[in-house]
PDB file of N, CA and C in Angstrom:
ATOM      1  N   UNK A   1       0.826  -1.179   0.000  1.00  0.00           N
ATOM      2  CA  UNK A   1       0.000   0.000   0.000  1.00  0.00           C
ATOM      3  C   UNK A   1       0.876   1.250   0.000  1.00  0.00           C
ATOM      4  N   UNK A   2       0.464   2.209  -0.771  1.00  0.00           N
ATOM      5  CA  UNK A   2       1.177   3.474  -0.871  1.00  0.00           C
ATOM      6  C   UNK A   2       0.482   4.476   0.054  1.00  0.00           C
ATOM      7  N   UNK A   3       1.241   5.158   0.928  1.00  0.00           N
ATOM      8  CA  UNK A   3       0.625   6.150   1.810  1.00  0.00           C
ATOM      9  C   UNK A   3      -0.116   7.217   1.006  1.00  0.00           C
ATOM     10  N   UNK A   4      -1.222   7.660   1.564  1.00  0.00           N
ATOM     11  CA  UNK A   4      -2.077   8.618   0.878  1.00  0.00           C
ATOM     12  C   UNK A   4      -1.339   9.881   0.477  1.00  0.00           C
ATOM     13  N   UNK A   5      -0.482  10.404   1.378  1.00  0.00           N
ATOM     14  CA  UNK A   5       0.225  11.630   1.026  1.00  0.00           C
ATOM     15  C   UNK A   5       1.140  11.432  -0.183  1.00  0.00           C
ATOM     16  N   UNK A   6       1.714  10.240  -0.328  1.00  0.00           N
ATOM     17  CA  UNK A   6       2.572   9.976  -1.485  1.00  0.00           C
ATOM     18  C   UNK A   6       1.748   9.800  -2.761  1.00  0.00           C
ATOM     19  N   UNK A   7       0.529   9.302  -2.620  1.00  0.00           N
ATOM     20  CA  UNK A   7      -0.342   9.133  -3.784  1.00  0.00           C
ATOM     21  C   UNK A   7      -0.779  10.482  -4.339  1.00  0.00           C
ATOM     22  N   UNK A   8      -0.731  11.523  -3.535  1.00  0.00           N
ATOM     23  CA  UNK A   8      -1.111  12.856  -3.996  1.00  0.00           C
ATOM     24  C   UNK A   8       0.093  13.732  -4.285  1.00  0.00           C
ATOM     25  N   UNK A   9       1.094  13.703  -3.412  1.00  0.00           N
ATOM     26  CA  UNK A   9       2.240  14.605  -3.548  1.00  0.00           C
ATOM     27  C   UNK A   9       3.129  14.212  -4.721  1.00  0.00           C
ATOM     28  N   UNK A  10       3.369  12.925  -4.922  1.00  0.00           N
ATOM     29  CA  UNK A  10       4.230  12.498  -6.033  1.00  0.00           C
ATOM     30  C   UNK A  10       3.668  12.923  -7.384  1.00  0.00           C
ATOM     31  N   UNK A  11       2.387  12.664  -7.681  1.00  0.00           N
ATOM     32  CA  UNK A  11       1.850  13.155  -8.957  1.00  0.00           C
ATOM     33  C   UNK A  11       1.867  14.685  -9.062  1.00  0.00           C
ATOM     34  N   UNK A  12       1.647  15.379  -7.937  1.00  0.00           N
ATOM     35  CA  UNK A  12       1.716  16.842  -7.960  1.00  0.00           C
ATOM     36  C   UNK A  12       3.128  17.294  -8.301  1.00  0.00           C
ATOM     37  N   UNK A  13       4.130  16.683  -7.699  1.00  0.00           N
ATOM     38  CA  UNK A  13       5.517  17.033  -8.006  1.00  0.00           C
ATOM     39  C   UNK A  13       5.849  16.747  -9.463  1.00  0.00           C
ATOM     40  N   UNK A  14       5.350  15.639  -9.991  1.00  0.00           N
ATOM     41  CA  UNK A  14       5.577  15.309 -11.403  1.00  0.00           C
ATOM     42  C   UNK A  14       4.928  16.349 -12.308  1.00  0.00           C
ATOM     43  N   UNK A  15       3.719  16.767 -11.970  1.00  0.00           N
ATOM     44  CA  UNK A  15       3.023  17.780 -12.761  1.00  0.00           C
ATOM     45  C   UNK A  15       3.784  19.101 -12.738  1.00  0.00           C
ATOM     46  N   UNK A  16       4.247  19.512 -11.570  1.00  0.00           N
ATOM     47  CA  UNK A  16       5.011  20.759 -11.462  1.00  0.00           C
ATOM     48  C   UNK A  16       6.289  20.694 -12.297  1.00  0.00           C
ATOM     49  N   UNK A  17       6.961  19.557 -12.271  1.00  0.00           N
ATOM     50  CA  UNK A  17       8.181  19.389 -13.073  1.00  0.00           C
ATOM     51  C   UNK A  17       7.870  19.463 -14.566  1.00  0.00           C
ATOM     52  N   UNK A  18       6.780  18.842 -14.981  1.00  0.00           N
ATOM     53  CA  UNK A  18       6.387  18.881 -16.400  1.00  0.00           C
ATOM     54  C   UNK A  18       6.035  20.298 -16.843  1.00  0.00           C
ATOM     55  N   UNK A  19       5.272  21.007 -16.040  1.00  0.00           N
ATOM     56  CA  UNK A  19       4.858  22.371 -16.397  1.00  0.00           C
ATOM     57  C   UNK A  19       6.041  23.332 -16.406  1.00  0.00           C
ATOM     58  N   UNK A  20       7.033  23.081 -15.564  1.00  0.00           N
ATOM     59  CA  UNK A  20       8.178  23.979 -15.444  1.00  0.00           C
ATOM     60  C   UNK A  20       9.032  24.019 -16.705  1.00  0.00           C
ATOM     61  N   UNK A  21       9.019  22.976 -17.503  1.00  0.00           N
ATOM     62  CA  UNK A  21       9.867  22.955 -18.704  1.00  0.00           C
ATOM     63  C   UNK A  21       9.140  23.428 -19.964  1.00  0.00           C
ATOM     64  N   UNK A  22       7.858  23.704 -19.846  1.00  0.00           N
ATOM     65  CA  UNK A  22       7.103  24.184 -21.004  1.00  0.00           C
ATOM     66  C   UNK A  22       7.383  25.656 -21.252  1.00  0.00           C
ATOM     67  N   UNK A  23       7.168  26.068 -22.481  1.00  0.00           N
ATOM     68  CA  UNK A  23       7.346  27.467 -22.877  1.00  0.00           C
ATOM     69  C   UNK A  23       5.974  28.111 -23.017  1.00  0.00           C
ATOM     70  N   UNK A  24       5.857  29.331 -22.536  1.00  0.00           N
ATOM     71  CA  UNK A  24       4.603  30.066 -22.582  1.00  0.00           C
ATOM     72  C   UNK A  24       4.825  31.359 -23.351  1.00  0.00           C
ATOM     73  N   UNK A  25       3.795  31.849 -24.014  1.00  0.00           N
ATOM     74  CA  UNK A  25       3.950  32.990 -24.920  1.00  0.00           C
ATOM     75  C   UNK A  25       3.713  34.336 -24.250  1.00  0.00           C
ATOM     76  N   UNK A  26       3.948  34.400 -22.985  1.00  0.00           N
ATOM     77  CA  UNK A  26       3.840  35.653 -22.257  1.00  0.00           C
ATOM     78  C   UNK A  26       4.893  35.662 -21.156  1.00  0.00           C
ATOM     79  N   UNK A  27       5.258  36.834 -20.727  1.00  0.00           N
ATOM     80  CA  UNK A  27       6.296  36.916 -19.693  1.00  0.00           C
ATOM     81  C   UNK A  27       5.724  36.766 -18.286  1.00  0.00           C
ATOM     82  N   UNK A  28       4.426  36.956 -18.141  1.00  0.00           N
ATOM     83  CA  UNK A  28       3.789  36.852 -16.822  1.00  0.00           C
ATOM     84  C   UNK A  28       2.853  35.651 -16.832  1.00  0.00           C
ATOM     85  N   UNK A  29       3.294  34.571 -16.191  1.00  0.00           N
ATOM     86  CA  UNK A  29       2.526  33.329 -16.183  1.00  0.00           C
ATOM     87  C   UNK A  29       2.290  32.894 -14.742  1.00  0.00           C
ATOM     88  N   UNK A  30       1.057  32.634 -14.431  1.00  0.00           N
ATOM     89  CA  UNK A  30       0.696  32.028 -13.151  1.00  0.00           C
ATOM     90  C   UNK A  30       0.219  30.625 -13.439  1.00  0.00           C
ATOM     91  N   UNK A  31       0.514  29.712 -12.545  1.00  0.00           N
ATOM     92  CA  UNK A  31       0.053  28.329 -12.676  1.00  0.00           C
ATOM     93  C   UNK A  31      -0.959  28.054 -11.574  1.00  0.00           C
ATOM     94  N   UNK A  32      -2.110  27.531 -11.957  1.00  0.00           N
ATOM     95  CA  UNK A  32      -3.120  27.102 -11.004  1.00  0.00           C
ATOM     96  C   UNK A  32      -3.309  25.605 -11.192  1.00  0.00           C
ATOM     97  N   UNK A  33      -3.033  24.849 -10.147  1.00  0.00           N
ATOM     98  CA  UNK A  33      -3.176  23.395 -10.178  1.00  0.00           C
ATOM     99  C   UNK A  33      -4.374  23.035  -9.306  1.00  0.00           C
ATOM    100  N   UNK A  34      -5.262  22.212  -9.844  1.00  0.00           N
ATOM    101  CA  UNK A  34      -6.444  21.799  -9.085  1.00  0.00           C
ATOM    102  C   UNK A  34      -6.295  20.352  -8.663  1.00  0.00           C
ATOM    103  N   UNK A  35      -6.419  20.127  -7.373  1.00  0.00           N
ATOM    104  CA  UNK A  35      -6.466  18.768  -6.849  1.00  0.00           C
ATOM    105  C   UNK A  35      -7.933  18.369  -6.783  1.00  0.00           C
ATOM    106  N   UNK A  36      -8.278  17.266  -7.418  1.00  0.00           N
ATOM    107  CA  UNK A  36      -9.670  16.825  -7.423  1.00  0.00           C
ATOM    108  C   UNK A  36      -9.948  15.768  -6.364  1.00  0.00           C
ATOM    109  N   UNK A  37      -9.010  15.587  -5.440  1.00  0.00           N
ATOM    110  CA  UNK A  37      -9.171  14.560  -4.420  1.00  0.00           C
ATOM    111  C   UNK A  37     -10.003  15.123  -3.268  1.00  0.00           C
ATOM    112  N   UNK A  38     -11.224  14.633  -3.069  1.00  0.00           N
ATOM    113  CA  UNK A  38     -12.134  15.255  -2.104  1.00  0.00           C
ATOM    114  C   UNK A  38     -11.824  14.975  -0.636  1.00  0.00           C
ATOM    115  N   UNK A  39     -10.893  14.074  -0.335  1.00  0.00           N
ATOM    116  CA  UNK A  39     -10.598  13.768   1.062  1.00  0.00           C
ATOM    117  C   UNK A  39      -9.533  14.678   1.663  1.00  0.00           C
ATOM    118  N   UNK A  40      -8.898  15.499   0.836  1.00  0.00           N
ATOM    119  CA  UNK A  40      -7.897  16.439   1.325  1.00  0.00           C
ATOM    120  C   UNK A  40      -8.404  17.852   1.122  1.00  0.00           C
ATOM    121  N   UNK A  41      -8.049  18.739   2.052  1.00  0.00           N
ATOM    122  CA  UNK A  41      -8.344  20.157   1.883  1.00  0.00           C
ATOM    123  C   UNK A  41      -7.062  20.946   2.140  1.00  0.00           C
ATOM    124  N   UNK A  42      -7.183  22.223   2.280  1.00  0.00           N
ATOM    125  CA  UNK A  42      -5.993  23.074   2.406  1.00  0.00           C
ATOM    126  C   UNK A  42      -5.122  22.684   3.608  1.00  0.00           C
ATOM    127  N   UNK A  43      -5.750  22.285   4.719  1.00  0.00           N
ATOM    128  CA  UNK A  43      -4.975  21.914   5.909  1.00  0.00           C
ATOM    129  C   UNK A  43      -4.060  20.721   5.641  1.00  0.00           C
ATOM    130  N   UNK A  44      -4.544  19.759   4.858  1.00  0.00           N
ATOM    131  CA  UNK A  44      -3.724  18.590   4.527  1.00  0.00           C
ATOM    132  C   UNK A  44      -2.537  18.981   3.652  1.00  0.00           C
ATOM    133  N   UNK A  45      -2.770  19.889   2.693  1.00  0.00           N
ATOM    134  CA  UNK A  45      -1.667  20.321   1.838  1.00  0.00           C
ATOM    135  C   UNK A  45      -0.657  21.160   2.617  1.00  0.00           C
ATOM    136  N   UNK A  46      -1.140  21.989   3.536  1.00  0.00           N
ATOM    137  CA  UNK A  46      -0.216  22.768   4.366  1.00  0.00           C
ATOM    138  C   UNK A  46       0.640  21.827   5.207  1.00  0.00           C
ATOM    139  N   UNK A  47       0.017  20.806   5.766  1.00  0.00           N
ATOM    140  CA  UNK A  47       0.745  19.839   6.599  1.00  0.00           C
ATOM    141  C   UNK A  47       1.833  19.114   5.812  1.00  0.00           C
ATOM    142  N   UNK A  48       1.612  18.907   4.517  1.00  0.00           N
ATOM    143  CA  UNK A  48       2.565  18.179   3.670  1.00  0.00           C
ATOM    144  C   UNK A  48       3.307  19.091   2.704  1.00  0.00           C
ATOM    145  N   UNK A  49       3.251  20.400   2.931  1.00  0.00           N
ATOM    146  CA  UNK A  49       3.848  21.349   1.992  1.00  0.00           C
ATOM    147  C   UNK A  49       5.353  21.161   1.830  1.00  0.00           C
ATOM    148  N   UNK A  50       6.034  20.706   2.855  1.00  0.00           N
ATOM    149  CA  UNK A  50       7.489  20.500   2.763  1.00  0.00           C
ATOM    150  C   UNK A  50       7.841  19.426   1.731  1.00  0.00           C
ATOM    151  N   UNK A  51       6.898  18.563   1.409  1.00  0.00           N
ATOM    152  CA  UNK A  51       7.140  17.500   0.428  1.00  0.00           C
ATOM    153  C   UNK A  51       6.845  17.944  -0.999  1.00  0.00           C
ATOM    154  N   UNK A  52       6.216  19.110  -1.162  1.00  0.00           N
ATOM    155  CA  UNK A  52       5.929  19.625  -2.504  1.00  0.00           C
ATOM    156  C   UNK A  52       7.210  20.224  -3.065  1.00  0.00           C
ATOM    157  N   UNK A  53       7.637  19.709  -4.200  1.00  0.00           N
ATOM    158  CA  UNK A  53       8.908  20.104  -4.804  1.00  0.00           C
ATOM    159  C   UNK A  53       8.673  21.110  -5.931  1.00  0.00           C
ATOM    160  N   UNK A  54       9.003  22.347  -5.646  1.00  0.00           N
ATOM    161  CA  UNK A  54       8.922  23.394  -6.665  1.00  0.00           C
ATOM    162  C   UNK A  54      10.234  23.349  -7.445  1.00  0.00           C
ATOM    163  N   UNK A  55      10.174  23.167  -8.777  1.00  0.00           N
ATOM    164  CA  UNK A  55      11.413  23.129  -9.563  1.00  0.00           C
ATOM    165  C   UNK A  55      12.248  24.398  -9.355  1.00  0.00           C
ATOM    166  N   UNK A  56      13.544  24.229  -9.353  1.00  0.00           N
ATOM    167  CA  UNK A  56      14.463  25.353  -9.112  1.00  0.00           C
ATOM    168  C   UNK A  56      14.255  26.466 -10.133  1.00  0.00           C
ATOM    169  N   UNK A  57      14.029  26.085 -11.376  1.00  0.00           N
ATOM    170  CA  UNK A  57      13.734  27.074 -12.415  1.00  0.00           C
ATOM    171  C   UNK A  57      12.392  26.734 -13.033  1.00  0.00           C
ATOM    172  N   UNK A  58      11.594  27.751 -13.180  1.00  0.00           N
ATOM    173  CA  UNK A  58      10.281  27.612 -13.810  1.00  0.00           C
ATOM    174  C   UNK A  58       9.856  28.989 -14.311  1.00  0.00           C
ATOM    175  N   UNK A  59       8.921  29.048 -15.248  1.00  0.00           N
ATOM    176  CA  UNK A  59       8.532  30.334 -15.824  1.00  0.00           C
ATOM    177  C   UNK A  59       7.415  31.049 -15.068  1.00  0.00           C
ATOM    178  N   UNK A  60       7.021  30.563 -13.923  1.00  0.00           N
ATOM    179  CA  UNK A  60       5.820  31.069 -13.258  1.00  0.00           C
ATOM    180  C   UNK A  60       6.115  32.196 -12.286  1.00  0.00           C
ATOM    181  N   UNK A  61       5.311  33.216 -12.377  1.00  0.00           N
ATOM    182  CA  UNK A  61       5.396  34.314 -11.425  1.00  0.00           C
ATOM    183  C   UNK A  61       4.860  33.849 -10.070  1.00  0.00           C
ATOM    184  N   UNK A  62       3.787  33.074 -10.116  1.00  0.00           N
ATOM    185  CA  UNK A  62       3.196  32.497  -8.907  1.00  0.00           C
ATOM    186  C   UNK A  62       2.645  31.115  -9.245  1.00  0.00           C
ATOM    187  N   UNK A  63       2.614  30.251  -8.239  1.00  0.00           N
ATOM    188  CA  UNK A  63       2.003  28.928  -8.386  1.00  0.00           C
ATOM    189  C   UNK A  63       0.982  28.775  -7.269  1.00  0.00           C
ATOM    190  N   UNK A  64      -0.241  28.464  -7.662  1.00  0.00           N
ATOM    191  CA  UNK A  64      -1.349  28.306  -6.726  1.00  0.00           C
ATOM    192  C   UNK A  64      -1.877  26.888  -6.800  1.00  0.00           C
ATOM    193  N   UNK A  65      -2.340  26.396  -5.670  1.00  0.00           N
ATOM    194  CA  UNK A  65      -2.929  25.066  -5.598  1.00  0.00           C
ATOM    195  C   UNK A  65      -4.364  25.193  -5.105  1.00  0.00           C
ATOM    196  N   UNK A  66      -5.310  24.799  -5.938  1.00  0.00           N
ATOM    197  CA  UNK A  66      -6.707  24.700  -5.535  1.00  0.00           C
ATOM    198  C   UNK A  66      -6.835  23.345  -4.856  1.00  0.00           C
ATOM    199  N   UNK A  67      -7.074  23.350  -3.566  1.00  0.00           N
ATOM    200  CA  UNK A  67      -6.873  22.172  -2.722  1.00  0.00           C
ATOM    201  C   UNK A  67      -8.040  21.195  -2.692  1.00  0.00           C
ATOM    202  N   UNK A  68      -8.833  21.137  -3.702  1.00  0.00           N
ATOM    203  CA  UNK A  68      -9.939  20.192  -3.770  1.00  0.00           C
ATOM    204  C   UNK A  68     -10.800  20.479  -4.974  1.00  0.00           C
ATOM    205  N   UNK A  69     -11.848  19.703  -5.156  1.00  0.00           N
ATOM    206  CA  UNK A  69     -12.675  19.863  -6.343  1.00  0.00           C
ATOM    207  C   UNK A  69     -13.535  21.125  -6.334  1.00  0.00           C
ATOM    208  N   UNK A  70     -13.595  21.828  -5.200  1.00  0.00           N
ATOM    209  CA  UNK A  70     -14.364  23.063  -5.104  1.00  0.00           C
ATOM    210  C   UNK A  70     -13.521  24.127  -4.420  1.00  0.00           C
ATOM    211  N   UNK A  71     -13.819  25.374  -4.705  1.00  0.00           N
ATOM    212  CA  UNK A  71     -13.054  26.478  -4.108  1.00  0.00           C
ATOM    213  C   UNK A  71     -13.135  26.469  -2.590  1.00  0.00           C
ATOM    214  N   UNK A  72     -14.201  25.917  -2.036  1.00  0.00           N
ATOM    215  CA  UNK A  72     -14.360  25.886  -0.576  1.00  0.00           C
ATOM    216  C   UNK A  72     -13.308  25.023   0.117  1.00  0.00           C
ATOM    217  N   UNK A  73     -12.576  24.199  -0.635  1.00  0.00           N
ATOM    218  CA  UNK A  73     -11.514  23.377  -0.063  1.00  0.00           C
ATOM    219  C   UNK A  73     -10.271  24.222   0.230  1.00  0.00           C
ATOM    220  N   UNK A  74     -10.197  25.398  -0.330  1.00  0.00           N
ATOM    221  CA  UNK A  74      -9.104  26.312  -0.064  1.00  0.00           C
ATOM    222  C   UNK A  74      -8.144  26.452  -1.228  1.00  0.00           C
ATOM    223  N   UNK A  75      -7.447  27.592  -1.264  1.00  0.00           N
ATOM    224  CA  UNK A  75      -6.442  27.876  -2.284  1.00  0.00           C
ATOM    225  C   UNK A  75      -5.154  28.237  -1.552  1.00  0.00           C
ATOM    226  N   UNK A  76      -4.067  27.593  -1.964  1.00  0.00           N
ATOM    227  CA  UNK A  76      -2.777  27.762  -1.295  1.00  0.00           C
ATOM    228  C   UNK A  76      -1.741  28.220  -2.317  1.00  0.00           C
ATOM    229  N   UNK A  77      -1.053  29.318  -2.002  1.00  0.00           N
ATOM    230  CA  UNK A  77       0.056  29.754  -2.853  1.00  0.00           C
ATOM    231  C   UNK A  77       1.280  28.952  -2.459  1.00  0.00           C
ATOM    232  N   UNK A  78       1.835  28.187  -3.407  1.00  0.00           N
ATOM    233  CA  UNK A  78       2.992  27.345  -3.089  1.00  0.00           C
ATOM    234  C   UNK A  78       4.295  27.883  -3.672  1.00  0.00           C
ATOM    235  N   UNK A  79       4.221  28.916  -4.487  1.00  0.00           N
ATOM    236  CA  UNK A  79       5.429  29.597  -4.987  1.00  0.00           C
ATOM    237  C   UNK A  79       5.047  30.950  -5.532  1.00  0.00           C
TER     238      UNK A  79
END
């Protein structure tokens, strides 16, 4: 069995790494990532924020995480 935090954080880290190498046609880019997992909310992501790996170089001015399938789950700025 894979721990729940690893089932969410690892794919999130992979997504951030993939998005970081893409090229965008504007100089001001924000990234909004939506987690559709309904059992976690902003408190769970804050608790595991140290495991979220922001790539050293990326084109984003800010990176935001929508912490669930609805805005009521919270929005967390992670970079």
